[in-house]
Amino acid sequence: MAKFLAVYTGKPGPRPQPDPAMIAKGVAAWTEWGARHAGRIVEAGGPLGKTKKVSALGICDIQNNLAAYVIVEAEDHETAARMFENHPHFTIFPGDAIEVMPCLPIPGT
């Protein structure tokens, strides 16, 4: 099976904090999603913090829309993407989307 990186996205900057009942509902739904796909989760990943950009110009703080990640296995790209349909990240929490991309082999290896 192939590996896929799924990146949870949101809006950059401060995010509204859901009320405790919504957080509990979201955590329960996320836990259920994880249990349902446990055999295909390669790395559970987790939330992502503030970002530093490193370039030829140096290091600086930036904002982006990356909120969390997970690595899964699936037969193909479409199957991997379907794992995230109706995910609590965007159905309960204020997340925007989940981007799913294949983890490709390093050329020449």
PDB file of N, CA and C in Angstrom:
ATOM      1  N   MET A   1       0.837  -1.187   0.000  1.00  0.00           N
ATOM      2  CA  MET A   1       0.000   0.000   0.000  1.00  0.00           C
ATOM      3  C   MET A   1       0.880   1.249   0.000  1.00  0.00           C
ATOM      4  N   ALA A   2       0.360   2.297  -0.563  1.00  0.00           N
ATOM      5  CA  ALA A   2       1.080   3.563  -0.637  1.00  0.00           C
ATOM      6  C   ALA A   2       0.797   4.410   0.605  1.00  0.00           C
ATOM      7  N   LYS A   3       1.720   5.305   0.912  1.00  0.00           N
ATOM      8  CA  LYS A   3       1.552   6.232   2.035  1.00  0.00           C
ATOM      9  C   LYS A   3       1.098   7.588   1.512  1.00  0.00           C
ATOM     10  N   PHE A   4       0.262   8.254   2.319  1.00  0.00           N
ATOM     11  CA  PHE A   4      -0.269   9.565   1.961  1.00  0.00           C
ATOM     12  C   PHE A   4      -0.192  10.489   3.161  1.00  0.00           C
ATOM     13  N   LEU A   5       0.230  11.715   2.913  1.00  0.00           N
ATOM     14  CA  LEU A   5       0.244  12.752   3.932  1.00  0.00           C
ATOM     15  C   LEU A   5      -1.057  13.533   3.822  1.00  0.00           C
ATOM     16  N   ALA A   6      -1.776  13.642   4.910  1.00  0.00           N
ATOM     17  CA  ALA A   6      -2.993  14.456   4.948  1.00  0.00           C
ATOM     18  C   ALA A   6      -2.708  15.657   5.843  1.00  0.00           C
ATOM     19  N   VAL A   7      -2.937  16.845   5.302  1.00  0.00           N
ATOM     20  CA  VAL A   7      -2.686  18.078   6.031  1.00  0.00           C
ATOM     21  C   VAL A   7      -4.027  18.765   6.282  1.00  0.00           C
ATOM     22  N   TYR A   8      -4.309  18.991   7.537  1.00  0.00           N
ATOM     23  CA  TYR A   8      -5.533  19.692   7.932  1.00  0.00           C
ATOM     24  C   TYR A   8      -5.266  21.190   7.815  1.00  0.00           C
ATOM     25  N   THR A   9      -6.173  21.915   7.161  1.00  0.00           N
ATOM     26  CA  THR A   9      -5.965  23.348   6.968  1.00  0.00           C
ATOM     27  C   THR A   9      -7.051  24.160   7.673  1.00  0.00           C
ATOM     28  N   GLY A  10      -6.671  25.382   7.997  1.00  0.00           N
ATOM     29  CA  GLY A  10      -7.567  26.343   8.619  1.00  0.00           C
ATOM     30  C   GLY A  10      -7.164  27.724   8.156  1.00  0.00           C
ATOM     31  N   LYS A  11      -7.758  28.719   8.711  1.00  0.00           N
ATOM     32  CA  LYS A  11      -7.396  30.088   8.363  1.00  0.00           C
ATOM     33  C   LYS A  11      -6.204  30.523   9.217  1.00  0.00           C
ATOM     34  N   PRO A  12      -5.213  31.226   8.623  1.00  0.00           N
ATOM     35  CA  PRO A  12      -4.092  31.733   9.428  1.00  0.00           C
ATOM     36  C   PRO A  12      -4.582  32.718  10.485  1.00  0.00           C
ATOM     37  N   GLY A  13      -3.810  32.832  11.536  1.00  0.00           N
ATOM     38  CA  GLY A  13      -4.138  33.785  12.584  1.00  0.00           C
ATOM     39  C   GLY A  13      -4.963  33.164  13.695  1.00  0.00           C
ATOM     40  N   PRO A  14      -5.461  33.997  14.583  1.00  0.00           N
ATOM     41  CA  PRO A  14      -6.235  33.489  15.723  1.00  0.00           C
ATOM     42  C   PRO A  14      -7.483  32.749  15.256  1.00  0.00           C
ATOM     43  N   ARG A  15      -7.748  31.645  15.913  1.00  0.00           N
ATOM     44  CA  ARG A  15      -8.937  30.857  15.583  1.00  0.00           C
ATOM     45  C   ARG A  15      -9.936  30.980  16.714  1.00  0.00           C
ATOM     46  N   PRO A  16     -11.205  31.069  16.389  1.00  0.00           N
ATOM     47  CA  PRO A  16     -12.198  31.118  17.472  1.00  0.00           C
ATOM     48  C   PRO A  16     -12.167  29.819  18.272  1.00  0.00           C
ATOM     49  N   GLN A  17     -12.248  29.920  19.564  1.00  0.00           N
ATOM     50  CA  GLN A  17     -12.223  28.746  20.423  1.00  0.00           C
ATOM     51  C   GLN A  17     -13.641  28.200  20.563  1.00  0.00           C
ATOM     52  N   PRO A  18     -13.887  26.960  20.135  1.00  0.00           N
ATOM     53  CA  PRO A  18     -15.227  26.379  20.297  1.00  0.00           C
ATOM     54  C   PRO A  18     -15.573  26.233  21.781  1.00  0.00           C
ATOM     55  N   ASP A  19     -16.848  26.182  22.094  1.00  0.00           N
ATOM     56  CA  ASP A  19     -17.262  25.999  23.483  1.00  0.00           C
ATOM     57  C   ASP A  19     -16.912  24.582  23.929  1.00  0.00           C
ATOM     58  N   PRO A  20     -16.816  24.350  25.251  1.00  0.00           N
ATOM     59  CA  PRO A  20     -16.408  23.035  25.766  1.00  0.00           C
ATOM     60  C   PRO A  20     -17.251  21.866  25.247  1.00  0.00           C
ATOM     61  N   ALA A  21     -18.543  22.057  25.086  1.00  0.00           N
ATOM     62  CA  ALA A  21     -19.391  20.971  24.577  1.00  0.00           C
ATOM     63  C   ALA A  21     -19.017  20.618  23.142  1.00  0.00           C
ATOM     64  N   MET A  22     -18.723  21.641  22.326  1.00  0.00           N
ATOM     65  CA  MET A  22     -18.324  21.407  20.943  1.00  0.00           C
ATOM     66  C   MET A  22     -16.960  20.720  20.885  1.00  0.00           C
ATOM     67  N   ILE A  23     -16.053  21.121  21.768  1.00  0.00           N
ATOM     68  CA  ILE A  23     -14.737  20.473  21.827  1.00  0.00           C
ATOM     69  C   ILE A  23     -14.902  18.991  22.170  1.00  0.00           C
ATOM     70  N   ALA A  24     -15.722  18.688  23.176  1.00  0.00           N
ATOM     71  CA  ALA A  24     -15.937  17.293  23.574  1.00  0.00           C
ATOM     72  C   ALA A  24     -16.540  16.489  22.429  1.00  0.00           C
ATOM     73  N   LYS A  25     -17.516  17.060  21.736  1.00  0.00           N
ATOM     74  CA  LYS A  25     -18.138  16.387  20.598  1.00  0.00           C
ATOM     75  C   LYS A  25     -17.113  16.145  19.495  1.00  0.00           C
ATOM     76  N   GLY A  26     -16.283  17.148  19.203  1.00  0.00           N
ATOM     77  CA  GLY A  26     -15.268  17.021  18.158  1.00  0.00           C
ATOM     78  C   GLY A  26     -14.204  15.994  18.502  1.00  0.00           C
ATOM     79  N   VAL A  27     -13.743  16.016  19.752  1.00  0.00           N
ATOM     80  CA  VAL A  27     -12.719  15.050  20.179  1.00  0.00           C
ATOM     81  C   VAL A  27     -13.273  13.630  20.103  1.00  0.00           C
ATOM     82  N   ALA A  28     -14.514  13.442  20.519  1.00  0.00           N
ATOM     83  CA  ALA A  28     -15.131  12.107  20.442  1.00  0.00           C
ATOM     84  C   ALA A  28     -15.247  11.649  18.989  1.00  0.00           C
ATOM     85  N   ALA A  29     -15.662  12.549  18.108  1.00  0.00           N
ATOM     86  CA  ALA A  29     -15.791  12.193  16.688  1.00  0.00           C
ATOM     87  C   ALA A  29     -14.424  11.913  16.070  1.00  0.00           C
ATOM     88  N   TRP A  30     -13.412  12.704  16.420  1.00  0.00           N
ATOM     89  CA  TRP A  30     -12.060  12.506  15.897  1.00  0.00           C
ATOM     90  C   TRP A  30     -11.516  11.164  16.385  1.00  0.00           C
ATOM     91  N   THR A  31     -11.748  10.844  17.666  1.00  0.00           N
ATOM     92  CA  THR A  31     -11.304   9.558  18.226  1.00  0.00           C
ATOM     93  C   THR A  31     -11.977   8.398  17.505  1.00  0.00           C
ATOM     94  N   GLU A  32     -13.270   8.548  17.225  1.00  0.00           N
ATOM     95  CA  GLU A  32     -14.005   7.503  16.509  1.00  0.00           C
ATOM     96  C   GLU A  32     -13.455   7.345  15.092  1.00  0.00           C
ATOM     97  N   TRP A  33     -13.157   8.462  14.425  1.00  0.00           N
ATOM     98  CA  TRP A  33     -12.567   8.409  13.082  1.00  0.00           C
ATOM     99  C   TRP A  33     -11.237   7.657  13.151  1.00  0.00           C
ATOM    100  N   GLY A  34     -10.398   7.980  14.137  1.00  0.00           N
ATOM    101  CA  GLY A  34      -9.105   7.310  14.283  1.00  0.00           C
ATOM    102  C   GLY A  34      -9.246   5.820  14.539  1.00  0.00           C
ATOM    103  N   ALA A  35     -10.201   5.435  15.361  1.00  0.00           N
ATOM    104  CA  ALA A  35     -10.430   4.011  15.642  1.00  0.00           C
ATOM    105  C   ALA A  35     -10.907   3.286  14.389  1.00  0.00           C
ATOM    106  N   ARG A  36     -11.780   3.936  13.611  1.00  0.00           N
ATOM    107  CA  ARG A  36     -12.309   3.326  12.384  1.00  0.00           C
ATOM    108  C   ARG A  36     -11.201   3.094  11.353  1.00  0.00           C
ATOM    109  N   HIS A  37     -10.190   3.950  11.348  1.00  0.00           N
ATOM    110  CA  HIS A  37      -9.112   3.856  10.358  1.00  0.00           C
ATOM    111  C   HIS A  37      -7.773   3.439  10.975  1.00  0.00           C
ATOM    112  N   ALA A  38      -7.798   2.894  12.170  1.00  0.00           N
ATOM    113  CA  ALA A  38      -6.563   2.576  12.900  1.00  0.00           C
ATOM    114  C   ALA A  38      -5.604   1.704  12.097  1.00  0.00           C
ATOM    115  N   GLY A  39      -6.118   0.768  11.339  1.00  0.00           N
ATOM    116  CA  GLY A  39      -5.268  -0.121  10.555  1.00  0.00           C
ATOM    117  C   GLY A  39      -4.575   0.569   9.387  1.00  0.00           C
ATOM    118  N   ARG A  40      -4.994   1.778   9.068  1.00  0.00           N
ATOM    119  CA  ARG A  40      -4.407   2.507   7.940  1.00  0.00           C
ATOM    120  C   ARG A  40      -3.626   3.738   8.372  1.00  0.00           C
ATOM    121  N   ILE A  41      -3.637   4.064   9.659  1.00  0.00           N
ATOM    122  CA  ILE A  41      -2.888   5.223  10.143  1.00  0.00           C
ATOM    123  C   ILE A  41      -1.458   4.785  10.428  1.00  0.00           C
ATOM    124  N   VAL A  42      -0.521   5.338   9.664  1.00  0.00           N
ATOM    125  CA  VAL A  42       0.899   5.004   9.802  1.00  0.00           C
ATOM    126  C   VAL A  42       1.518   5.845  10.904  1.00  0.00           C
ATOM    127  N   GLU A  43       1.191   7.128  10.921  1.00  0.00           N
ATOM    128  CA  GLU A  43       1.660   8.052  11.946  1.00  0.00           C
ATOM    129  C   GLU A  43       0.500   8.954  12.318  1.00  0.00           C
ATOM    130  N   ALA A  44       0.144   8.965  13.601  1.00  0.00           N
ATOM    131  CA  ALA A  44      -1.021   9.732  14.045  1.00  0.00           C
ATOM    132  C   ALA A  44      -0.847  11.232  13.861  1.00  0.00           C
ATOM    133  N   GLY A  45       0.394  11.695  13.759  1.00  0.00           N
ATOM    134  CA  GLY A  45       0.621  13.121  13.558  1.00  0.00           C
ATOM    135  C   GLY A  45       0.120  13.921  14.732  1.00  0.00           C
ATOM    136  N   GLY A  46      -0.474  15.084  14.449  1.00  0.00           N
ATOM    137  CA  GLY A  46      -0.986  15.933  15.508  1.00  0.00           C
ATOM    138  C   GLY A  46      -1.035  17.378  15.070  1.00  0.00           C
ATOM    139  N   PRO A  47      -1.361  18.255  16.013  1.00  0.00           N
ATOM    140  CA  PRO A  47      -1.446  19.681  15.698  1.00  0.00           C
ATOM    141  C   PRO A  47      -0.083  20.254  15.331  1.00  0.00           C
ATOM    142  N   LEU A  48      -0.113  21.305  14.534  1.00  0.00           N
ATOM    143  CA  LEU A  48       1.114  22.002  14.138  1.00  0.00           C
ATOM    144  C   LEU A  48       1.138  23.385  14.779  1.00  0.00           C
ATOM    145  N   GLY A  49       2.323  23.811  15.196  1.00  0.00           N
ATOM    146  CA  GLY A  49       2.481  25.111  15.844  1.00  0.00           C
ATOM    147  C   GLY A  49       2.867  26.202  14.867  1.00  0.00           C
ATOM    148  N   LYS A  50       3.369  27.293  15.413  1.00  0.00           N
ATOM    149  CA  LYS A  50       3.771  28.440  14.605  1.00  0.00           C
ATOM    150  C   LYS A  50       4.904  28.044  13.667  1.00  0.00           C
ATOM    151  N   THR A  51       4.995  28.739  12.540  1.00  0.00           N
ATOM    152  CA  THR A  51       5.916  28.370  11.470  1.00  0.00           C
ATOM    153  C   THR A  51       7.067  29.350  11.340  1.00  0.00           C
ATOM    154  N   LYS A  52       8.260  28.811  11.121  1.00  0.00           N
ATOM    155  CA  LYS A  52       9.426  29.598  10.744  1.00  0.00           C
ATOM    156  C   LYS A  52       9.792  29.215   9.322  1.00  0.00           C
ATOM    157  N   LYS A  53       9.992  30.206   8.499  1.00  0.00           N
ATOM    158  CA  LYS A  53      10.385  29.988   7.105  1.00  0.00           C
ATOM    159  C   LYS A  53      11.896  30.157   7.017  1.00  0.00           C
ATOM    160  N   VAL A  54      12.549  29.189   6.398  1.00  0.00           N
ATOM    161  CA  VAL A  54      13.993  29.241   6.189  1.00  0.00           C
ATOM    162  C   VAL A  54      14.238  29.350   4.694  1.00  0.00           C
ATOM    163  N   SER A  55      14.953  30.365   4.273  1.00  0.00           N
ATOM    164  CA  SER A  55      15.268  30.564   2.859  1.00  0.00           C
ATOM    165  C   SER A  55      16.673  31.131   2.738  1.00  0.00           C
ATOM    166  N   ALA A  56      17.086  31.400   1.520  1.00  0.00           N
ATOM    167  CA  ALA A  56      18.405  32.005   1.301  1.00  0.00           C
ATOM    168  C   ALA A  56      18.503  33.373   1.969  1.00  0.00           C
ATOM    169  N   LEU A  57      17.375  33.985   2.268  1.00  0.00           N
ATOM    170  CA  LEU A  57      17.360  35.297   2.926  1.00  0.00           C
ATOM    171  C   LEU A  57      17.448  35.202   4.441  1.00  0.00           C
ATOM    172  N   GLY A  58      17.345  33.993   4.977  1.00  0.00           N
ATOM    173  CA  GLY A  58      17.433  33.810   6.423  1.00  0.00           C
ATOM    174  C   GLY A  58      16.204  33.111   6.973  1.00  0.00           C
ATOM    175  N   ILE A  59      15.930  33.398   8.243  1.00  0.00           N
ATOM    176  CA  ILE A  59      14.820  32.765   8.967  1.00  0.00           C
ATOM    177  C   ILE A  59      13.850  33.856   9.404  1.00  0.00           C
ATOM    178  N   CYS A  60      12.561  33.605   9.183  1.00  0.00           N
ATOM    179  CA  CYS A  60      11.551  34.562   9.635  1.00  0.00           C
ATOM    180  C   CYS A  60      10.289  33.823  10.046  1.00  0.00           C
ATOM    181  N   ASP A  61       9.495  34.474  10.883  1.00  0.00           N
ATOM    182  CA  ASP A  61       8.203  33.923  11.293  1.00  0.00           C
ATOM    183  C   ASP A  61       7.187  34.215  10.202  1.00  0.00           C
ATOM    184  N   ILE A  62       6.347  33.217   9.887  1.00  0.00           N
ATOM    185  CA  ILE A  62       5.285  33.407   8.896  1.00  0.00           C
ATOM    186  C   ILE A  62       4.006  32.771   9.412  1.00  0.00           C
ATOM    187  N   GLN A  63       2.909  33.068   8.744  1.00  0.00           N
ATOM    188  CA  GLN A  63       1.647  32.402   9.006  1.00  0.00           C
ATOM    189  C   GLN A  63       1.249  31.628   7.761  1.00  0.00           C
ATOM    190  N   ASN A  64       0.653  30.466   7.963  1.00  0.00           N
ATOM    191  CA  ASN A  64       0.102  29.692   6.854  1.00  0.00           C
ATOM    192  C   ASN A  64      -1.188  29.048   7.327  1.00  0.00           C
ATOM    193  N   ASN A  65      -1.769  28.220   6.508  1.00  0.00           N
ATOM    194  CA  ASN A  65      -3.048  27.615   6.883  1.00  0.00           C
ATOM    195  C   ASN A  65      -2.921  26.167   7.348  1.00  0.00           C
ATOM    196  N   LEU A  66      -1.710  25.711   7.664  1.00  0.00           N
ATOM    197  CA  LEU A  66      -1.509  24.334   8.112  1.00  0.00           C
ATOM    198  C   LEU A  66      -1.846  24.216   9.593  1.00  0.00           C
ATOM    199  N   ALA A  67      -2.722  23.276   9.941  1.00  0.00           N
ATOM    200  CA  ALA A  67      -3.180  23.140  11.318  1.00  0.00           C
ATOM    201  C   ALA A  67      -2.740  21.828  11.979  1.00  0.00           C
ATOM    202  N   ALA A  68      -2.673  20.734  11.211  1.00  0.00           N
ATOM    203  CA  ALA A  68      -2.319  19.428  11.760  1.00  0.00           C
ATOM    204  C   ALA A  68      -2.000  18.489  10.601  1.00  0.00           C
ATOM    205  N   TYR A  69      -1.515  17.287  10.926  1.00  0.00           N
ATOM    206  CA  TYR A  69      -1.211  16.309   9.874  1.00  0.00           C
ATOM    207  C   TYR A  69      -1.387  14.895  10.390  1.00  0.00           C
ATOM    208  N   VAL A  70      -1.495  13.958   9.461  1.00  0.00           N
ATOM    209  CA  VAL A  70      -1.527  12.530   9.735  1.00  0.00           C
ATOM    210  C   VAL A  70      -0.983  11.831   8.492  1.00  0.00           C
ATOM    211  N   ILE A  71      -0.363  10.666   8.658  1.00  0.00           N
ATOM    212  CA  ILE A  71       0.096   9.867   7.522  1.00  0.00           C
ATOM    213  C   ILE A  71      -0.692   8.564   7.531  1.00  0.00           C
ATOM    214  N   VAL A  72      -1.296   8.253   6.385  1.00  0.00           N
ATOM    215  CA  VAL A  72      -2.129   7.053   6.263  1.00  0.00           C
ATOM    216  C   VAL A  72      -1.622   6.188   5.108  1.00  0.00           C
ATOM    217  N   GLU A  73      -2.087   4.948   5.087  1.00  0.00           N
ATOM    218  CA  GLU A  73      -1.831   4.042   3.975  1.00  0.00           C
ATOM    219  C   GLU A  73      -3.144   3.755   3.271  1.00  0.00           C
ATOM    220  N   ALA A  74      -3.074   3.625   1.950  1.00  0.00           N
ATOM    221  CA  ALA A  74      -4.262   3.273   1.173  1.00  0.00           C
ATOM    222  C   ALA A  74      -3.828   2.663  -0.151  1.00  0.00           C
ATOM    223  N   GLU A  75      -4.765   2.017  -0.817  1.00  0.00           N
ATOM    224  CA  GLU A  75      -4.476   1.379  -2.096  1.00  0.00           C
ATOM    225  C   GLU A  75      -4.125   2.418  -3.163  1.00  0.00           C
ATOM    226  N   ASP A  76      -4.783   3.589  -3.098  1.00  0.00           N
ATOM    227  CA  ASP A  76      -4.530   4.637  -4.093  1.00  0.00           C
ATOM    228  C   ASP A  76      -4.944   5.990  -3.520  1.00  0.00           C
ATOM    229  N   HIS A  77      -4.679   7.032  -4.289  1.00  0.00           N
ATOM    230  CA  HIS A  77      -4.919   8.412  -3.857  1.00  0.00           C
ATOM    231  C   HIS A  77      -6.398   8.653  -3.558  1.00  0.00           C
ATOM    232  N   GLU A  78      -7.275   8.193  -4.417  1.00  0.00           N
ATOM    233  CA  GLU A  78      -8.717   8.385  -4.235  1.00  0.00           C
ATOM    234  C   GLU A  78      -9.190   7.716  -2.950  1.00  0.00           C
ATOM    235  N   THR A  79      -8.735   6.512  -2.686  1.00  0.00           N
ATOM    236  CA  THR A  79      -9.130   5.798  -1.468  1.00  0.00           C
ATOM    237  C   THR A  79      -8.638   6.536  -0.235  1.00  0.00           C
ATOM    238  N   ALA A  80      -7.419   7.050  -0.303  1.00  0.00           N
ATOM    239  CA  ALA A  80      -6.880   7.823   0.820  1.00  0.00           C
ATOM    240  C   ALA A  80      -7.735   9.066   1.065  1.00  0.00           C
ATOM    241  N   ALA A  81      -8.075   9.781   0.013  1.00  0.00           N
ATOM    242  CA  ALA A  81      -8.885  10.994   0.159  1.00  0.00           C
ATOM    243  C   ALA A  81     -10.253  10.672   0.744  1.00  0.00           C
ATOM    244  N   ARG A  82     -10.848   9.573   0.328  1.00  0.00           N
ATOM    245  CA  ARG A  82     -12.183   9.202   0.814  1.00  0.00           C
ATOM    246  C   ARG A  82     -12.196   8.913   2.320  1.00  0.00           C
ATOM    247  N   MET A  83     -11.048   8.553   2.878  1.00  0.00           N
ATOM    248  CA  MET A  83     -10.968   8.326   4.318  1.00  0.00           C
ATOM    249  C   MET A  83     -11.352   9.583   5.101  1.00  0.00           C
ATOM    250  N   PHE A  84     -11.192  10.749   4.499  1.00  0.00           N
ATOM    251  CA  PHE A  84     -11.393  12.012   5.199  1.00  0.00           C
ATOM    252  C   PHE A  84     -12.728  12.683   4.888  1.00  0.00           C
ATOM    253  N   GLU A  85     -13.569  12.031   4.100  1.00  0.00           N
ATOM    254  CA  GLU A  85     -14.886  12.599   3.833  1.00  0.00           C
ATOM    255  C   GLU A  85     -15.654  12.755   5.148  1.00  0.00           C
ATOM    256  N   ASN A  86     -16.293  13.890   5.330  1.00  0.00           N
ATOM    257  CA  ASN A  86     -17.088  14.191   6.530  1.00  0.00           C
ATOM    258  C   ASN A  86     -16.278  14.100   7.825  1.00  0.00           C
ATOM    259  N   HIS A  87     -14.998  14.408   7.766  1.00  0.00           N
ATOM    260  CA  HIS A  87     -14.122  14.372   8.935  1.00  0.00           C
ATOM    261  C   HIS A  87     -14.510  15.480   9.920  1.00  0.00           C
ATOM    262  N   PRO A  88     -14.399  15.239  11.226  1.00  0.00           N
ATOM    263  CA  PRO A  88     -14.771  16.259  12.207  1.00  0.00           C
ATOM    264  C   PRO A  88     -13.930  17.539  12.128  1.00  0.00           C
ATOM    265  N   HIS A  89     -12.777  17.481  11.474  1.00  0.00           N
ATOM    266  CA  HIS A  89     -11.960  18.697  11.331  1.00  0.00           C
ATOM    267  C   HIS A  89     -12.763  19.827  10.705  1.00  0.00           C
ATOM    268  N   PHE A  90     -13.587  19.515   9.726  1.00  0.00           N
ATOM    269  CA  PHE A  90     -14.371  20.571   9.082  1.00  0.00           C
ATOM    270  C   PHE A  90     -15.879  20.416   9.271  1.00  0.00           C
ATOM    271  N   THR A  91     -16.336  19.304   9.832  1.00  0.00           N
ATOM    272  CA  THR A  91     -17.768  19.173  10.077  1.00  0.00           C
ATOM    273  C   THR A  91     -18.147  19.627  11.485  1.00  0.00           C
ATOM    274  N   ILE A  92     -17.200  19.596  12.429  1.00  0.00           N
ATOM    275  CA  ILE A  92     -17.473  20.023  13.802  1.00  0.00           C
ATOM    276  C   ILE A  92     -16.583  21.199  14.187  1.00  0.00           C
ATOM    277  N   PHE A  93     -15.286  21.047  13.976  1.00  0.00           N
ATOM    278  CA  PHE A  93     -14.354  22.123  14.306  1.00  0.00           C
ATOM    279  C   PHE A  93     -14.349  23.171  13.191  1.00  0.00           C
ATOM    280  N   PRO A  94     -13.727  24.321  13.428  1.00  0.00           N
ATOM    281  CA  PRO A  94     -13.735  25.368  12.389  1.00  0.00           C
ATOM    282  C   PRO A  94     -12.652  25.197  11.325  1.00  0.00           C
ATOM    283  N   GLY A  95     -12.227  23.972  11.043  1.00  0.00           N
ATOM    284  CA  GLY A  95     -11.231  23.747  10.003  1.00  0.00           C
ATOM    285  C   GLY A  95     -11.818  23.942   8.614  1.00  0.00           C
ATOM    286  N   ASP A  96     -10.959  24.270   7.667  1.00  0.00           N
ATOM    287  CA  ASP A  96     -11.412  24.525   6.295  1.00  0.00           C
ATOM    288  C   ASP A  96     -11.468  23.266   5.440  1.00  0.00           C
ATOM    289  N   ALA A  97     -10.381  22.485   5.449  1.00  0.00           N
ATOM    290  CA  ALA A  97     -10.290  21.348   4.528  1.00  0.00           C
ATOM    291  C   ALA A  97      -9.190  20.406   4.994  1.00  0.00           C
ATOM    292  N   ILE A  98      -9.041  19.312   4.258  1.00  0.00           N
ATOM    293  CA  ILE A  98      -7.944  18.367   4.461  1.00  0.00           C
ATOM    294  C   ILE A  98      -7.358  18.086   3.090  1.00  0.00           C
ATOM    295  N   GLU A  99      -6.065  18.330   2.945  1.00  0.00           N
ATOM    296  CA  GLU A  99      -5.376  18.089   1.680  1.00  0.00           C
ATOM    297  C   GLU A  99      -4.614  16.770   1.792  1.00  0.00           C
ATOM    298  N   VAL A 100      -4.801  15.894   0.813  1.00  0.00           N
ATOM    299  CA  VAL A 100      -4.206  14.556   0.841  1.00  0.00           C
ATOM    300  C   VAL A 100      -3.272  14.409  -0.352  1.00  0.00           C
ATOM    301  N   MET A 101      -2.016  14.042  -0.079  1.00  0.00           N
ATOM    302  CA  MET A 101      -1.028  13.903  -1.150  1.00  0.00           C
ATOM    303  C   MET A 101      -0.175  12.662  -0.926  1.00  0.00           C
ATOM    304  N   PRO A 102       0.259  12.008  -2.020  1.00  0.00           N
ATOM    305  CA  PRO A 102       1.098  10.821  -1.874  1.00  0.00           C
ATOM    306  C   PRO A 102       2.483  11.179  -1.351  1.00  0.00           C
ATOM    307  N   CYS A 103       3.042  10.290  -0.547  1.00  0.00           N
ATOM    308  CA  CYS A 103       4.436  10.398  -0.113  1.00  0.00           C
ATOM    309  C   CYS A 103       5.250   9.627  -1.158  1.00  0.00           C
ATOM    310  N   LEU A 104       5.972  10.326  -1.970  1.00  0.00           N
ATOM    311  CA  LEU A 104       6.693   9.723  -3.087  1.00  0.00           C
ATOM    312  C   LEU A 104       8.067   9.235  -2.660  1.00  0.00           C
ATOM    313  N   PRO A 105       8.613   8.238  -3.349  1.00  0.00           N
ATOM    314  CA  PRO A 105       9.975   7.776  -3.034  1.00  0.00           C
ATOM    315  C   PRO A 105      10.990   8.845  -3.414  1.00  0.00           C
ATOM    316  N   ILE A 106      12.100   8.845  -2.715  1.00  0.00           N
ATOM    317  CA  ILE A 106      13.188   9.768  -3.032  1.00  0.00           C
ATOM    318  C   ILE A 106      13.829   9.296  -4.351  1.00  0.00           C
ATOM    319  N   PRO A 107      13.953  10.184  -5.322  1.00  0.00           N
ATOM    320  CA  PRO A 107      14.546   9.784  -6.608  1.00  0.00           C
ATOM    321  C   PRO A 107      15.951   9.199  -6.418  1.00  0.00           C
ATOM    322  N   GLY A 108      16.219   8.141  -7.142  1.00  0.00           N
ATOM    323  CA  GLY A 108      17.551   7.530  -7.100  1.00  0.00           C
ATOM    324  C   GLY A 108      17.766   6.545  -5.970  1.00  0.00           C
ATOM    325  N   THR A 109      16.706   6.280  -5.175  1.00  0.00           N
ATOM    326  CA  THR A 109      16.894   5.321  -4.077  1.00  0.00           C
ATOM    327  C   THR A 109      16.202   4.019  -4.393  1.00  0.00           C
TER     328      THR A 109
END
